[in-house]
N, C-alpha and C. Protein backbone atom coordinates (compact mmCIF):
# COMPACT_ATOMS: atom_id res chain seq x y z
N MET A 1 8.10 -37.19 -13.64
CA MET A 1 9.22 -38.04 -13.66
C MET A 1 9.53 -39.12 -13.83
N LYS A 2 10.05 -40.01 -14.62
CA LYS A 2 10.37 -41.53 -14.60
C LYS A 2 11.22 -42.12 -13.60
N LYS A 3 10.32 -43.10 -12.89
CA LYS A 3 11.36 -43.89 -11.41
C LYS A 3 12.60 -44.74 -12.03
N LYS A 4 13.62 -44.47 -11.31
CA LYS A 4 14.45 -45.27 -11.86
C LYS A 4 14.72 -47.10 -10.83
N LYS A 5 14.83 -48.15 -11.84
CA LYS A 5 15.42 -49.14 -10.89
C LYS A 5 16.39 -49.05 -9.47
N PRO A 6 16.34 -49.27 -9.07
CA PRO A 6 17.61 -50.04 -8.43
C PRO A 6 18.02 -50.56 -8.48
N GLU A 7 19.68 -49.73 -8.72
CA GLU A 7 20.84 -50.09 -9.40
C GLU A 7 21.77 -51.34 -8.36
N PRO A 8 21.80 -52.72 -9.35
CA PRO A 8 22.56 -53.95 -7.71
C PRO A 8 23.31 -53.10 -6.99
N GLY A 9 23.80 -53.41 -5.55
CA GLY A 9 24.50 -52.93 -4.73
C GLY A 9 23.81 -51.94 -4.01
N VAL A 10 22.42 -51.36 -4.47
CA VAL A 10 22.11 -49.93 -4.06
C VAL A 10 20.74 -50.11 -2.51
N THR A 11 20.87 -49.84 -1.56
CA THR A 11 20.39 -49.89 -1.01
C THR A 11 19.06 -49.32 -1.44
N ARG A 12 18.10 -49.73 -0.57
CA ARG A 12 16.23 -48.49 -0.86
C ARG A 12 16.50 -47.33 -0.45
N ARG A 13 16.77 -47.25 0.73
CA ARG A 13 17.15 -46.46 1.11
C ARG A 13 17.62 -45.13 0.51
N GLY A 14 19.12 -45.87 -0.04
CA GLY A 14 19.89 -44.64 -0.85
C GLY A 14 19.25 -44.33 -1.91
N PHE A 15 18.31 -45.64 -2.56
CA PHE A 15 17.89 -44.72 -4.11
C PHE A 15 16.81 -43.48 -4.10
N ILE A 16 15.53 -43.84 -2.41
CA ILE A 16 14.55 -43.21 -2.44
C ILE A 16 15.63 -41.75 -1.89
N ARG A 17 16.68 -41.62 -1.44
CA ARG A 17 17.13 -40.10 -0.90
C ARG A 17 17.66 -39.33 -2.54
N GLY A 18 18.64 -40.11 -3.59
CA GLY A 18 19.14 -40.16 -4.63
C GLY A 18 17.88 -39.50 -5.46
N VAL A 19 16.40 -39.95 -5.20
CA VAL A 19 15.51 -39.56 -6.36
C VAL A 19 14.99 -38.25 -4.96
N GLY A 20 14.71 -38.16 -4.73
CA GLY A 20 14.39 -36.88 -3.06
C GLY A 20 15.73 -35.72 -3.53
N LEU A 21 16.52 -36.11 -3.88
CA LEU A 21 17.83 -34.68 -3.89
C LEU A 21 17.17 -34.67 -5.45
N GLY A 22 17.81 -35.19 -6.71
CA GLY A 22 17.04 -35.27 -8.04
C GLY A 22 15.39 -34.35 -8.19
N SER A 23 15.16 -34.56 -7.35
CA SER A 23 13.33 -33.61 -7.57
C SER A 23 13.79 -31.91 -7.08
N GLY A 24 14.29 -32.31 -6.08
CA GLY A 24 14.62 -30.91 -5.61
C GLY A 24 15.44 -29.76 -6.11
N VAL A 25 16.44 -30.79 -6.80
CA VAL A 25 17.34 -30.05 -8.15
C VAL A 25 16.50 -29.68 -9.09
N ALA A 26 15.51 -30.43 -9.51
CA ALA A 26 15.09 -29.83 -10.45
C ALA A 26 13.98 -28.06 -10.64
N GLY A 27 12.93 -29.03 -9.11
CA GLY A 27 12.36 -27.91 -8.38
C GLY A 27 12.97 -26.88 -8.37
N ALA A 28 13.91 -26.98 -8.41
CA ALA A 28 14.78 -25.97 -7.77
C ALA A 28 14.90 -24.69 -8.84
N GLY A 29 15.76 -25.74 -10.20
CA GLY A 29 15.57 -25.31 -10.67
C GLY A 29 15.05 -24.02 -11.79
N ILE A 30 13.57 -24.37 -11.70
CA ILE A 30 11.85 -24.14 -11.88
C ILE A 30 11.61 -22.90 -11.67
N LEU A 31 11.73 -22.79 -10.15
CA LEU A 31 10.88 -21.61 -9.14
C LEU A 31 12.23 -20.99 -9.41
N GLU A 32 13.37 -21.11 -9.88
CA GLU A 32 14.65 -19.74 -10.19
C GLU A 32 14.53 -19.18 -10.96
N THR A 33 13.41 -19.97 -12.84
CA THR A 33 13.87 -19.72 -13.75
C THR A 33 12.41 -18.80 -13.77
N GLU A 34 11.04 -19.00 -13.14
CA GLU A 34 9.95 -18.68 -13.16
C GLU A 34 9.64 -17.11 -12.14
N ALA A 35 10.29 -17.24 -11.22
CA ALA A 35 11.15 -15.44 -10.83
C ALA A 35 12.19 -14.88 -11.70
N ALA A 36 12.71 -15.44 -12.04
CA ALA A 36 13.50 -14.45 -12.88
C ALA A 36 12.57 -14.03 -14.00
N ALA A 37 11.61 -14.70 -14.39
CA ALA A 37 10.62 -14.00 -15.43
C ALA A 37 9.71 -13.18 -14.97
N ALA A 38 9.36 -13.46 -13.49
CA ALA A 38 8.44 -12.72 -12.67
C ALA A 38 8.40 -11.13 -13.20
N PRO A 39 8.07 -9.78 -12.93
CA PRO A 39 7.99 -8.59 -12.78
C PRO A 39 8.13 -8.18 -11.71
N ALA A 40 9.14 -7.26 -11.37
CA ALA A 40 9.42 -6.45 -10.51
C ALA A 40 8.42 -5.74 -10.05
N VAL A 41 8.00 -5.58 -8.30
CA VAL A 41 7.05 -5.45 -8.35
C VAL A 41 7.85 -4.40 -6.88
N GLN A 42 6.86 -3.04 -7.17
CA GLN A 42 7.43 -1.94 -6.17
C GLN A 42 6.50 -2.59 -4.92
N VAL A 43 7.40 -2.50 -3.62
CA VAL A 43 7.34 -3.10 -2.25
C VAL A 43 7.25 -2.64 -1.21
N VAL A 44 6.03 -1.73 -0.64
CA VAL A 44 5.67 -0.01 -0.32
C VAL A 44 5.11 -0.73 1.71
N GLY A 45 6.23 -0.36 2.38
CA GLY A 45 6.53 -0.68 3.72
C GLY A 45 7.37 -1.14 4.59
N PRO A 46 7.63 -1.26 5.51
CA PRO A 46 6.31 -1.00 6.69
C PRO A 46 6.31 -0.20 7.07
N GLY A 47 7.71 0.83 6.81
CA GLY A 47 7.28 2.34 7.92
C GLY A 47 6.73 3.29 6.59
N PRO A 48 6.46 4.64 7.24
CA PRO A 48 4.94 5.42 5.66
C PRO A 48 5.63 5.64 4.15
N ALA A 49 4.22 5.18 3.78
CA ALA A 49 4.71 5.62 2.22
C ALA A 49 3.90 7.12 1.55
N GLN A 50 3.89 7.52 0.95
CA GLN A 50 2.81 8.74 0.69
C GLN A 50 1.47 8.27 -0.67
N VAL A 51 0.92 8.36 0.00
CA VAL A 51 -0.86 8.77 -0.15
C VAL A 51 -1.67 9.37 -0.40
N THR A 52 -2.41 9.87 -1.92
CA THR A 52 -3.01 10.72 -2.34
C THR A 52 -4.11 10.21 -2.59
N LEU A 53 -5.40 11.54 -1.71
CA LEU A 53 -6.11 10.88 -1.48
C LEU A 53 -7.24 12.46 -2.28
N LYS A 54 -8.22 11.99 -2.88
CA LYS A 54 -9.07 12.78 -3.40
C LYS A 54 -10.28 12.69 -2.78
N VAL A 55 -10.33 13.57 -1.77
CA VAL A 55 -11.35 13.35 -1.01
C VAL A 55 -12.75 14.68 -1.10
N ASN A 56 -13.74 14.56 -1.08
CA ASN A 56 -14.98 15.84 -2.35
C ASN A 56 -14.50 16.43 -2.63
N GLY A 57 -13.79 15.96 -3.64
CA GLY A 57 -12.83 16.88 -4.81
C GLY A 57 -12.35 17.46 -4.47
N LYS A 58 -10.96 17.43 -3.20
CA LYS A 58 -9.88 18.09 -2.36
C LYS A 58 -8.66 16.39 -2.78
N GLN A 59 -7.26 16.79 -3.28
CA GLN A 59 -6.46 15.50 -3.07
C GLN A 59 -6.10 16.55 -2.02
N HIS A 60 -5.13 15.54 -1.27
CA HIS A 60 -4.77 15.43 0.03
C HIS A 60 -2.98 14.90 -0.04
N THR A 61 -3.14 14.93 -0.16
CA THR A 61 -1.28 14.14 0.35
C THR A 61 -1.06 14.17 1.55
N LEU A 62 -0.86 12.69 2.29
CA LEU A 62 -1.37 11.99 3.94
C LEU A 62 0.91 10.59 3.49
N ASN A 63 1.64 11.16 4.23
CA ASN A 63 2.51 10.22 4.50
C ASN A 63 1.94 9.27 5.93
N LEU A 64 0.94 7.72 5.47
CA LEU A 64 0.62 6.68 5.73
C LEU A 64 1.87 5.26 6.09
N GLU A 65 1.52 4.24 6.60
CA GLU A 65 1.42 3.50 6.62
C GLU A 65 1.19 2.60 5.80
N PRO A 66 1.16 1.41 5.40
CA PRO A 66 0.07 0.62 4.15
C PRO A 66 -1.00 0.19 5.29
N ARG A 67 -1.18 -0.17 6.41
CA ARG A 67 -1.64 -0.61 7.33
C ARG A 67 -3.08 0.08 7.76
N VAL A 68 -2.54 1.96 8.01
CA VAL A 68 -3.72 2.27 7.22
C VAL A 68 -5.21 1.90 7.54
N THR A 69 -6.14 1.97 7.68
CA THR A 69 -7.22 1.91 6.99
C THR A 69 -7.98 3.72 6.48
N LEU A 70 -8.96 3.69 5.10
CA LEU A 70 -8.97 4.43 4.71
C LEU A 70 -10.35 5.64 6.13
N LEU A 71 -10.80 4.41 6.85
CA LEU A 71 -11.74 5.38 8.17
C LEU A 71 -11.08 6.10 8.82
N ASP A 72 -9.82 5.59 9.46
CA ASP A 72 -8.46 6.03 10.20
C ASP A 72 -7.77 7.31 9.57
N ALA A 73 -7.49 7.76 8.11
CA ALA A 73 -7.34 7.91 7.07
C ALA A 73 -7.79 10.10 7.54
N LEU A 74 -9.47 9.19 6.97
CA LEU A 74 -10.25 10.06 7.71
C LEU A 74 -10.49 10.99 7.96
N ARG A 75 -10.30 9.93 9.58
CA ARG A 75 -10.86 10.47 10.38
C ARG A 75 -9.85 10.66 11.35
N ASP A 76 -8.83 10.93 11.20
CA ASP A 76 -7.45 11.15 11.91
C ASP A 76 -6.41 11.92 11.74
N HIS A 77 -6.49 11.40 10.43
CA HIS A 77 -5.33 12.69 9.76
C HIS A 77 -5.94 13.18 8.88
N LEU A 78 -7.34 13.50 8.13
CA LEU A 78 -7.88 14.49 7.44
C LEU A 78 -9.41 15.37 8.21
N ASN A 79 -9.56 14.78 9.23
CA ASN A 79 -10.26 14.80 9.83
C ASN A 79 -11.99 15.49 8.95
N TYR A 80 -12.07 14.05 9.19
CA TYR A 80 -13.69 14.12 8.34
C TYR A 80 -14.46 13.12 9.09
N THR A 81 -14.64 13.66 10.02
CA THR A 81 -15.39 13.04 10.86
C THR A 81 -16.99 11.85 10.95
N GLY A 82 -17.08 12.41 9.22
CA GLY A 82 -18.65 12.28 9.70
C GLY A 82 -18.95 10.36 9.62
N ALA A 83 -17.96 9.50 8.69
CA ALA A 83 -17.51 8.69 8.83
C ALA A 83 -17.92 7.87 10.19
N LYS A 84 -18.43 7.04 10.75
CA LYS A 84 -18.01 6.82 12.35
C LYS A 84 -17.60 5.78 12.82
N LYS A 85 -16.95 5.19 13.19
CA LYS A 85 -15.66 4.23 13.38
C LYS A 85 -16.70 3.16 14.94
N VAL A 86 -17.25 2.99 14.24
CA VAL A 86 -17.94 1.84 15.29
C VAL A 86 -18.02 0.17 15.67
N CYS A 87 -18.09 -0.66 14.33
CA CYS A 87 -17.53 -1.73 14.77
C CYS A 87 -15.98 -1.75 14.07
N ASP A 88 -15.57 -1.17 13.17
CA ASP A 88 -14.44 -1.42 13.04
C ASP A 88 -14.27 -2.74 11.96
N ARG A 89 -15.28 -3.78 12.11
CA ARG A 89 -15.31 -4.77 11.29
C ARG A 89 -15.79 -5.18 9.97
N ALA A 90 -16.08 -4.22 10.04
CA ALA A 90 -17.18 -4.18 8.45
C ALA A 90 -18.63 -5.00 8.49
N SER A 91 -19.37 -4.68 9.87
CA SER A 91 -20.77 -5.32 10.18
C SER A 91 -21.12 -4.42 9.79
N CYS A 92 -21.48 -3.09 10.68
CA CYS A 92 -22.62 -2.38 10.96
C CYS A 92 -22.82 -1.25 9.99
N GLY A 93 -22.11 -0.66 8.96
CA GLY A 93 -22.48 0.26 7.65
C GLY A 93 -22.11 2.06 8.79
N ALA A 94 -21.91 2.01 10.24
CA ALA A 94 -21.39 3.34 10.30
C ALA A 94 -20.49 4.49 8.90
N CYS A 95 -19.99 3.91 9.12
CA CYS A 95 -18.59 3.97 8.65
C CYS A 95 -18.43 4.79 6.37
N THR A 96 -19.50 3.90 6.50
CA THR A 96 -20.27 3.70 4.72
C THR A 96 -19.40 5.48 4.50
N VAL A 97 -19.10 5.47 3.11
CA VAL A 97 -19.07 6.54 2.54
C VAL A 97 -19.03 5.59 0.45
N ILE A 98 -18.54 7.10 -0.08
CA ILE A 98 -18.98 6.04 -1.53
C ILE A 98 -16.96 6.40 -2.10
N VAL A 99 -16.45 5.30 -2.95
CA VAL A 99 -14.96 5.32 -3.64
C VAL A 99 -15.50 4.51 -5.46
N GLY A 100 -15.51 6.04 -5.33
CA GLY A 100 -15.29 5.60 -7.05
C GLY A 100 -17.02 4.84 -7.43
N GLY A 101 -17.65 5.70 -7.04
CA GLY A 101 -18.97 5.12 -7.44
C GLY A 101 -20.03 4.51 -6.34
N LYS A 102 -18.91 3.37 -5.73
CA LYS A 102 -19.66 2.97 -4.80
C LYS A 102 -19.67 2.63 -3.60
N ALA A 103 -20.67 2.28 -2.55
CA ALA A 103 -20.87 2.55 -1.74
C ALA A 103 -19.69 1.97 -0.61
N VAL A 104 -19.18 2.17 -0.09
CA VAL A 104 -17.85 1.26 0.64
C VAL A 104 -18.19 0.69 2.09
N TYR A 105 -17.38 0.09 2.88
CA TYR A 105 -16.60 0.07 4.45
C TYR A 105 -15.80 1.19 4.53
N ALA A 106 -15.97 1.52 4.82
CA ALA A 106 -13.99 2.66 5.21
C ALA A 106 -13.17 1.86 6.18
N CYS A 107 -13.72 0.86 7.64
CA CYS A 107 -13.17 0.49 8.09
C CYS A 107 -12.30 -0.60 7.17
N ASN A 108 -12.26 -1.01 6.46
CA ASN A 108 -12.26 -2.49 5.68
C ASN A 108 -11.60 -1.90 4.23
N MET A 109 -11.28 -1.10 3.98
CA MET A 109 -10.42 -0.83 2.84
C MET A 109 -9.62 -0.32 3.07
N LEU A 110 -8.07 0.02 2.75
CA LEU A 110 -6.86 0.59 3.14
C LEU A 110 -7.02 1.65 2.51
N ALA A 111 -6.52 2.91 2.95
CA ALA A 111 -6.50 3.97 2.88
C ALA A 111 -5.38 4.11 1.24
N ILE A 112 -4.40 3.38 0.88
CA ILE A 112 -3.40 3.20 0.23
C ILE A 112 -4.60 2.57 -1.13
N GLU A 113 -5.79 1.62 -1.01
CA GLU A 113 -6.31 1.26 -1.82
C GLU A 113 -7.24 1.95 -2.64
N ALA A 114 -7.47 2.95 -1.59
CA ALA A 114 -8.27 4.03 -2.52
C ALA A 114 -7.77 5.31 -3.46
N GLN A 115 -6.36 5.36 -4.01
CA GLN A 115 -5.82 6.32 -3.94
C GLN A 115 -6.07 6.59 -5.61
N GLY A 116 -6.27 7.33 -6.51
CA GLY A 116 -6.76 7.46 -7.75
C GLY A 116 -8.32 7.39 -8.17
N GLN A 117 -9.00 7.54 -7.38
CA GLN A 117 -10.70 7.72 -6.61
C GLN A 117 -11.37 8.24 -6.11
N ASP A 118 -12.27 8.84 -6.46
CA ASP A 118 -13.26 9.44 -6.16
C ASP A 118 -13.56 9.02 -4.82
N ILE A 119 -13.29 9.65 -3.42
CA ILE A 119 -13.62 9.58 -2.21
C ILE A 119 -15.27 10.43 -2.19
N GLN A 120 -16.25 9.88 -1.52
CA GLN A 120 -17.97 11.12 -1.66
C GLN A 120 -17.48 10.47 0.31
N THR A 121 -17.82 12.25 1.16
CA THR A 121 -18.47 11.45 2.42
C THR A 121 -19.19 11.69 2.75
N VAL A 122 -19.58 11.84 4.04
CA VAL A 122 -21.27 12.58 4.69
C VAL A 122 -20.79 14.47 4.12
N GLU A 123 -19.58 14.82 4.25
CA GLU A 123 -19.46 16.29 4.46
C GLU A 123 -19.63 16.88 3.48
N SER A 124 -19.50 15.96 1.77
CA SER A 124 -19.96 16.65 1.20
C SER A 124 -21.30 17.41 0.79
N LEU A 125 -22.12 16.74 1.97
CA LEU A 125 -24.36 16.82 1.07
C LEU A 125 -24.36 18.04 1.51
N SER A 126 -24.18 19.07 2.32
CA SER A 126 -24.01 19.73 3.24
C SER A 126 -22.69 21.11 2.27
N SER A 127 -23.22 22.06 2.22
CA SER A 127 -22.38 23.94 1.55
C SER A 127 -23.47 24.44 2.55
N GLY A 128 -22.81 25.56 4.15
CA GLY A 128 -24.01 26.65 4.04
C GLY A 128 -24.85 25.84 4.88
N ASN A 129 -26.42 26.74 4.39
CA ASN A 129 -27.87 26.41 4.89
C ASN A 129 -28.07 25.62 3.29
N LYS A 130 -27.18 25.25 2.48
CA LYS A 130 -27.66 24.66 1.49
C LYS A 130 -27.55 22.51 1.93
N TYR A 131 -28.40 21.90 1.53
CA TYR A 131 -28.38 20.31 2.04
C TYR A 131 -29.10 19.70 0.93
N HIS A 132 -28.17 19.01 1.15
CA HIS A 132 -28.82 17.29 -0.18
C HIS A 132 -30.21 17.07 0.53
N PRO A 133 -31.18 16.53 -0.69
CA PRO A 133 -32.19 16.31 -0.12
C PRO A 133 -32.44 14.91 0.71
N LEU A 134 -31.50 14.31 1.02
CA LEU A 134 -30.86 13.07 1.80
C LEU A 134 -31.13 13.49 3.22
N ILE A 135 -30.22 14.63 3.63
CA ILE A 135 -30.10 15.26 5.05
C ILE A 135 -31.75 15.62 5.19
N THR A 136 -32.33 16.85 4.42
CA THR A 136 -33.43 16.98 4.93
C THR A 136 -34.45 16.25 5.15
N ALA A 137 -35.18 14.96 3.98
CA ALA A 137 -35.39 14.30 4.35
C ALA A 137 -35.16 13.05 5.24
N PHE A 138 -33.87 12.67 6.36
CA PHE A 138 -34.11 12.03 7.15
C PHE A 138 -34.36 12.81 8.72
N VAL A 139 -34.34 14.41 8.16
CA VAL A 139 -34.86 14.98 9.94
C VAL A 139 -36.25 15.44 9.50
N GLU A 140 -37.04 15.28 8.46
CA GLU A 140 -38.39 15.86 8.08
C GLU A 140 -39.21 14.09 8.47
N ASN A 141 -38.72 12.82 8.59
CA ASN A 141 -39.01 11.36 8.59
C ASN A 141 -37.88 11.14 9.87
N ASP A 142 -37.39 11.45 10.63
CA ASP A 142 -37.04 11.29 11.97
C ASP A 142 -36.06 9.99 12.47
N ALA A 143 -35.47 10.13 10.87
CA ALA A 143 -34.18 8.93 10.46
C ALA A 143 -33.70 8.48 11.60
N GLN A 144 -32.95 9.81 12.77
CA GLN A 144 -31.80 9.44 13.33
C GLN A 144 -32.05 9.98 14.88
N GLN A 145 -31.30 9.10 15.72
CA GLN A 145 -31.63 8.97 16.81
C GLN A 145 -30.48 9.39 18.12
N CYS A 146 -29.70 7.74 18.22
CA CYS A 146 -28.14 8.95 18.02
C CYS A 146 -27.58 9.46 17.50
N GLY A 147 -27.64 8.62 16.02
CA GLY A 147 -27.08 9.23 14.86
C GLY A 147 -25.12 9.08 14.79
N PHE A 148 -24.73 7.32 15.81
CA PHE A 148 -23.90 6.87 15.34
C PHE A 148 -24.27 6.22 13.54
N CYS A 149 -25.15 5.33 13.00
CA CYS A 149 -25.06 5.34 11.95
C CYS A 149 -25.58 6.30 10.45
N THR A 150 -26.11 7.20 11.42
CA THR A 150 -26.68 8.53 10.67
C THR A 150 -25.75 8.65 9.27
N PRO A 151 -24.78 9.03 9.59
CA PRO A 151 -23.90 9.17 7.95
C PRO A 151 -24.03 8.57 6.63
N GLY A 152 -23.21 7.22 7.53
CA GLY A 152 -23.57 5.61 7.18
C GLY A 152 -24.71 5.10 6.05
N PHE A 153 -25.96 5.98 6.91
CA PHE A 153 -26.91 5.36 6.12
C PHE A 153 -27.20 6.56 5.37
N VAL A 154 -26.94 7.52 5.25
CA VAL A 154 -26.89 8.89 4.48
C VAL A 154 -26.43 8.14 2.63
N MET A 155 -24.89 7.88 3.33
CA MET A 155 -24.18 7.56 2.20
C MET A 155 -24.48 6.75 1.32
N ALA A 156 -24.69 4.95 2.28
CA ALA A 156 -24.91 4.01 1.50
C ALA A 156 -26.55 4.48 1.11
N ALA A 157 -27.46 5.18 1.20
CA ALA A 157 -28.77 5.49 0.60
C ALA A 157 -28.40 6.18 -0.92
N LYS A 158 -27.01 7.91 -1.15
CA LYS A 158 -26.39 8.30 -1.90
C LYS A 158 -26.49 7.41 -3.01
N ALA A 159 -25.40 6.33 -2.71
CA ALA A 159 -25.27 5.65 -3.65
C ALA A 159 -26.23 4.84 -3.85
N PHE A 160 -26.82 4.05 -3.32
CA PHE A 160 -28.27 3.17 -3.58
C PHE A 160 -29.25 4.44 -4.74
N LEU A 161 -29.55 5.53 -4.81
CA LEU A 161 -30.31 6.09 -5.18
C LEU A 161 -29.62 6.34 -6.09
N GLU A 162 -27.81 6.41 -7.03
CA GLU A 162 -27.08 6.34 -8.28
C GLU A 162 -27.68 5.75 -8.77
N GLN A 163 -27.34 4.59 -8.63
CA GLN A 163 -28.43 3.51 -9.55
C GLN A 163 -29.46 3.31 -9.81
N ASN A 164 -30.35 3.64 -8.52
CA ASN A 164 -31.93 3.04 -8.63
C ASN A 164 -32.21 4.23 -8.26
N PRO A 165 -33.01 5.08 -8.67
CA PRO A 165 -33.57 6.34 -8.51
C PRO A 165 -34.85 6.31 -8.49
N ASN A 166 -35.74 5.25 -8.81
CA ASN A 166 -37.21 5.28 -8.17
C ASN A 166 -37.40 4.42 -7.37
N PRO A 167 -37.16 3.86 -6.82
CA PRO A 167 -36.74 2.70 -5.78
C PRO A 167 -38.55 2.38 -5.07
N THR A 168 -39.34 1.54 -4.65
CA THR A 168 -40.25 0.90 -4.09
C THR A 168 -39.21 0.69 -3.06
N TYR A 169 -40.50 0.44 -1.30
CA TYR A 169 -40.19 0.29 -0.31
C TYR A 169 -39.56 -0.69 -0.33
N GLU A 170 -39.28 -1.96 -0.79
CA GLU A 170 -38.91 -2.90 -0.48
C GLU A 170 -36.97 -3.42 -1.17
N GLU A 171 -37.04 -2.38 -2.04
CA GLU A 171 -35.82 -2.08 -3.02
C GLU A 171 -34.58 -1.30 -2.13
N VAL A 172 -35.53 -0.50 -1.88
CA VAL A 172 -34.09 0.44 -0.70
C VAL A 172 -34.27 -0.91 0.57
N LYS A 173 -35.81 -1.07 1.17
CA LYS A 173 -35.03 -2.10 2.71
C LYS A 173 -34.06 -2.67 2.09
N ALA A 174 -34.15 -3.31 0.99
CA ALA A 174 -33.17 -4.69 0.85
C ALA A 174 -31.60 -3.98 0.01
N GLY A 175 -31.55 -2.58 -0.27
CA GLY A 175 -30.85 -1.98 -0.94
C GLY A 175 -29.64 -1.50 0.51
N LEU A 176 -30.45 -1.25 1.49
CA LEU A 176 -29.33 -0.51 2.57
C LEU A 176 -29.46 -1.63 3.87
N GLY A 177 -29.75 -3.10 3.37
CA GLY A 177 -29.40 -3.95 4.25
C GLY A 177 -28.30 -4.40 5.31
N GLY A 178 -26.87 -3.48 4.34
CA GLY A 178 -25.33 -3.86 4.69
C GLY A 178 -25.45 -2.31 6.18
N ASN A 179 -26.14 -2.30 6.07
CA ASN A 179 -26.21 -0.74 7.26
C ASN A 179 -27.42 -1.46 8.60
N LEU A 180 -26.70 -1.00 9.50
CA LEU A 180 -27.38 -1.85 10.59
C LEU A 180 -27.81 -0.28 12.11
N CYS A 181 -28.97 -0.33 12.38
CA CYS A 181 -29.41 0.99 13.04
C CYS A 181 -29.39 0.41 14.91
N ARG A 182 -28.97 1.06 15.15
CA ARG A 182 -28.72 0.63 16.92
C ARG A 182 -30.23 0.48 18.05
N CYS A 183 -30.73 1.77 17.28
CA CYS A 183 -31.54 2.12 17.22
C CYS A 183 -33.10 2.02 17.10
N GLY A 184 -32.88 1.22 16.29
CA GLY A 184 -34.05 0.66 15.08
C GLY A 184 -35.22 1.35 14.40
N THR A 185 -34.81 2.32 13.92
CA THR A 185 -35.57 3.59 13.46
C THR A 185 -35.37 3.41 11.90
N TYR A 186 -35.79 1.97 11.48
CA TYR A 186 -35.56 1.86 10.00
C TYR A 186 -36.27 1.81 9.46
N ILE A 187 -37.90 1.89 9.53
CA ILE A 187 -39.33 2.26 9.19
C ILE A 187 -38.81 4.00 8.70
N GLY A 188 -38.54 5.10 9.68
CA GLY A 188 -38.19 5.94 8.85
C GLY A 188 -36.86 6.39 8.12
N LEU A 189 -36.14 5.42 8.62
CA LEU A 189 -34.65 5.81 7.57
C LEU A 189 -35.25 4.93 5.95
N ARG A 190 -36.05 4.64 5.51
CA ARG A 190 -36.92 3.74 5.19
C ARG A 190 -37.90 5.27 3.96
N ASN A 191 -38.67 5.54 4.80
CA ASN A 191 -39.33 6.67 4.30
C ASN A 191 -38.42 7.71 3.96
N ALA A 192 -37.33 8.02 4.37
CA ALA A 192 -37.12 9.34 4.54
C ALA A 192 -35.96 8.77 2.91
N VAL A 193 -35.10 7.86 2.37
CA VAL A 193 -34.64 7.28 1.31
C VAL A 193 -36.39 7.15 -0.39
N LEU A 194 -37.28 7.49 0.58
CA LEU A 194 -38.15 7.00 -0.86
C LEU A 194 -39.09 8.99 -1.28
N GLN A 195 -38.50 9.82 0.08
CA GLN A 195 -39.07 10.69 0.11
C GLN A 195 -38.43 11.86 -0.84
N ALA A 196 -36.56 11.64 -0.22
CA ALA A 196 -35.39 12.02 -0.98
C ALA A 196 -35.50 11.21 -2.61
N ALA A 197 -35.91 10.66 -3.02
CA ALA A 197 -36.39 10.25 -4.53
C ALA A 197 -37.12 10.29 -5.08
N LYS A 198 -38.01 11.06 -4.70
CA LYS A 198 -38.67 11.81 -5.01
C LYS A 198 -38.31 13.38 -5.13
N GLN A 199 -37.89 13.86 -4.13
CA GLN A 199 -37.32 15.61 -4.22
C GLN A 199 -36.12 15.39 -5.20
N MET A 200 -35.84 14.30 -5.63
CA MET A 200 -34.29 14.00 -6.46
C MET A 200 -35.03 14.78 -7.90
N LYS A 201 -36.13 13.57 -7.92
CA LYS A 201 -36.72 13.05 -8.61
C LYS A 201 -37.34 14.24 -9.90
N GLY A 202 -38.02 14.93 -8.71
CA GLY A 202 -38.45 16.04 -9.48
C GLY A 202 -37.59 18.06 -9.48
N ALA A 203 -36.57 17.57 -8.70
CA ALA A 203 -35.85 18.30 -8.83
C ALA A 203 -34.74 18.18 -10.35
N ALA A 204 -34.78 16.72 -10.92
CA ALA A 204 -34.35 17.07 -12.14
C ALA A 204 -35.05 17.29 -13.33
N ASN A 205 -36.27 16.91 -12.98
CA ASN A 205 -37.20 17.28 -14.37
C ASN A 205 -37.23 19.09 -14.12
N GLY A 206 -37.10 19.12 -12.95
CA GLY A 206 -37.75 20.71 -13.42
C GLY A 206 -36.93 21.63 -13.78
């Protein structure tokens, strides 16, 4: 906006006040126009809302506050307790699950964000006496001690192998870098993933 020169008899203070009021009115008009053009957004919360989650192939409908994390929804509302709540700050990986084909920290994702996506937890890797090759390999390589990190490592490894089915040791080391083991069983963990990769490749070729 081009500034006007003060007219005779108008004080400097009055002139500045007039320019400020004029700018405010113009700005308000722009904001009102933008608000009218913006599409309507459905607001959810703060009370419970209906959330539908597809976990291990099964649909579950829950009433959750929008602030509930996927981890809390799985553990406290659906009894999928494999994913562990350890750091609760997306830094250790103990709560790792697979959402839409990608490994995610369940403590760092809202349940409402996971709607419409396939969610896999460690419970999906066993059925009766049948176990996924990763679970067998973890046992055979002594890749678990206290066990708190194990489900997260298994799920991170599954997501990793789906993207890289024939990895090297160094690739496994880098691929699982987002998960921490306080017991320090990293060598066993990495060897377990390499063994599972070979078994899965052999099963696919067989």
